[in-house]
């Protein structure tokens, strides 16, 4: 079974950031070679709306069928809120936590 990796805007933007470019390119190569599946969410779509054009369009070079898409649901919201209550994450991480929970639930 292929590994599933949830990506957010920091991964997408990391492709263009000298500090993270080498590692991000390696990750993208695994994706291109079908060694991993990128899990994306509606949160990524929203965050990319305000990103620079090159970041916004960087995933368009891949066939959309290569991605696994997840959507926010009540179970992931509940898990994220529980993590917040238990101080596993702070409020600034809540949205990412909800989407990561979706990836785990599936």
Protein backbone atom coordinates (compact mmCIF):
# COMPACT_ATOMS: atom_id res chain seq x y z
CA UNK A 1 0.00 0.00 0.00
CA UNK A 2 1.27 3.47 -0.89
CA UNK A 3 1.96 5.94 1.86
CA UNK A 4 -0.53 8.77 2.07
CA UNK A 5 0.90 12.17 2.94
CA UNK A 6 -1.33 15.09 3.89
CA UNK A 7 0.09 18.26 2.37
CA UNK A 8 -0.73 21.85 3.20
CA UNK A 9 0.43 25.17 1.81
CA UNK A 10 3.75 24.98 3.63
CA UNK A 11 4.62 21.87 1.59
CA UNK A 12 3.42 23.40 -1.67
CA UNK A 13 5.23 26.68 -0.96
CA UNK A 14 8.32 24.80 0.24
CA UNK A 15 8.98 23.81 -3.35
CA UNK A 16 9.92 27.46 -4.02
CA UNK A 17 11.66 28.16 -0.71
CA UNK A 18 15.45 27.66 -0.79
CA UNK A 19 15.47 26.52 2.83
CA UNK A 20 13.04 23.62 2.16
CA UNK A 21 13.42 23.11 -1.57
CA UNK A 22 15.67 20.04 -1.51
CA UNK A 23 13.42 18.05 0.83
CA UNK A 24 10.25 19.22 -0.91
CA UNK A 25 11.59 18.28 -4.34
CA UNK A 26 12.41 14.81 -3.00
CA UNK A 27 8.83 14.50 -1.75
CA UNK A 28 7.45 15.66 -5.12
CA UNK A 29 9.67 13.12 -6.89
CA UNK A 30 8.17 10.33 -4.78
CA UNK A 31 4.74 11.64 -5.74
CA UNK A 32 5.62 11.80 -9.45
CA UNK A 33 6.98 8.24 -9.30
CA UNK A 34 3.74 7.05 -7.65
CA UNK A 35 5.56 6.03 -4.47
CA UNK A 36 3.26 8.20 -2.32
CA UNK A 37 -0.19 9.73 -2.59
CA UNK A 38 -0.72 13.37 -1.69
CA UNK A 39 -3.81 13.88 0.42
CA UNK A 40 -5.30 17.33 -0.11
CA UNK A 41 -8.28 19.14 1.35
CA UNK A 42 -10.57 22.09 0.87
CA UNK A 43 -8.40 23.95 3.38
CA UNK A 44 -5.47 23.74 0.95
CA UNK A 45 -7.67 25.14 -1.81
CA UNK A 46 -8.66 28.08 0.40
CA UNK A 47 -5.09 28.79 1.51
CA UNK A 48 -3.81 28.71 -2.06
CA UNK A 49 -6.24 31.45 -3.08
CA UNK A 50 -3.96 34.02 -1.41
CA UNK A 51 -0.67 32.40 -2.44
CA UNK A 52 1.67 33.76 -5.11
CA UNK A 53 0.75 32.61 -8.63
CA UNK A 54 3.63 30.13 -8.96
CA UNK A 55 2.60 28.44 -5.69
CA UNK A 56 -1.09 28.60 -6.56
CA UNK A 57 -0.52 26.84 -9.88
CA UNK A 58 2.21 24.39 -8.87
CA UNK A 59 -0.11 21.43 -8.30
CA UNK A 60 -1.82 21.96 -11.66
CA UNK A 61 1.06 20.19 -13.42
CA UNK A 62 -0.22 16.90 -11.96
CA UNK A 63 -3.26 14.91 -12.98
CA UNK A 64 -5.98 15.53 -10.38
CA UNK A 65 -6.58 11.75 -10.22
CA UNK A 66 -3.18 11.37 -8.53
CA UNK A 67 -4.46 13.17 -5.42
CA UNK A 68 -6.68 11.86 -2.69
CA UNK A 69 -9.18 14.54 -1.66
CA UNK A 70 -10.67 14.71 1.81
CA UNK A 71 -13.45 16.93 3.07
CA UNK A 72 -14.20 18.27 6.50
CA UNK A 73 -16.76 16.19 8.43
CA UNK A 74 -18.23 16.15 11.92
CA UNK A 75 -15.94 13.36 13.16
CA UNK A 76 -12.79 15.25 12.18
CA UNK A 77 -14.13 18.44 13.78
CA UNK A 78 -14.81 16.54 17.02
CA UNK A 79 -11.32 14.98 17.06
CA UNK A 80 -9.68 18.35 16.42
CA UNK A 81 -11.72 20.02 19.16
CA UNK A 82 -10.74 17.24 21.57
CA UNK A 83 -7.07 17.84 20.74
CA UNK A 84 -7.59 21.52 21.43
CA UNK A 85 -9.26 20.81 24.80
CA UNK A 86 -6.42 18.47 25.75
CA UNK A 87 -3.85 21.08 24.67
CA UNK A 88 -2.36 18.76 22.05
CA UNK A 89 -2.57 21.72 19.64
CA UNK A 90 -3.11 25.43 20.00
CA UNK A 91 -5.93 27.41 18.41
CA UNK A 92 -3.66 28.49 15.53
CA UNK A 93 -3.28 24.82 14.51
CA UNK A 94 -6.95 23.92 14.74
CA UNK A 95 -7.82 23.96 11.03
CA UNK A 96 -4.81 21.85 10.05
CA UNK A 97 -5.57 19.49 12.92
CA UNK A 98 -9.14 19.00 11.65
CA UNK A 99 -7.91 18.15 8.16
CA UNK A 100 -5.20 15.83 9.38
CA UNK A 101 -7.85 14.07 11.45
CA UNK A 102 -9.88 13.59 8.27
CA UNK A 103 -6.94 11.91 6.61
CA UNK A 104 -6.49 9.57 9.60
CA UNK A 105 -10.17 8.68 9.77
CA UNK A 106 -10.31 7.59 6.13
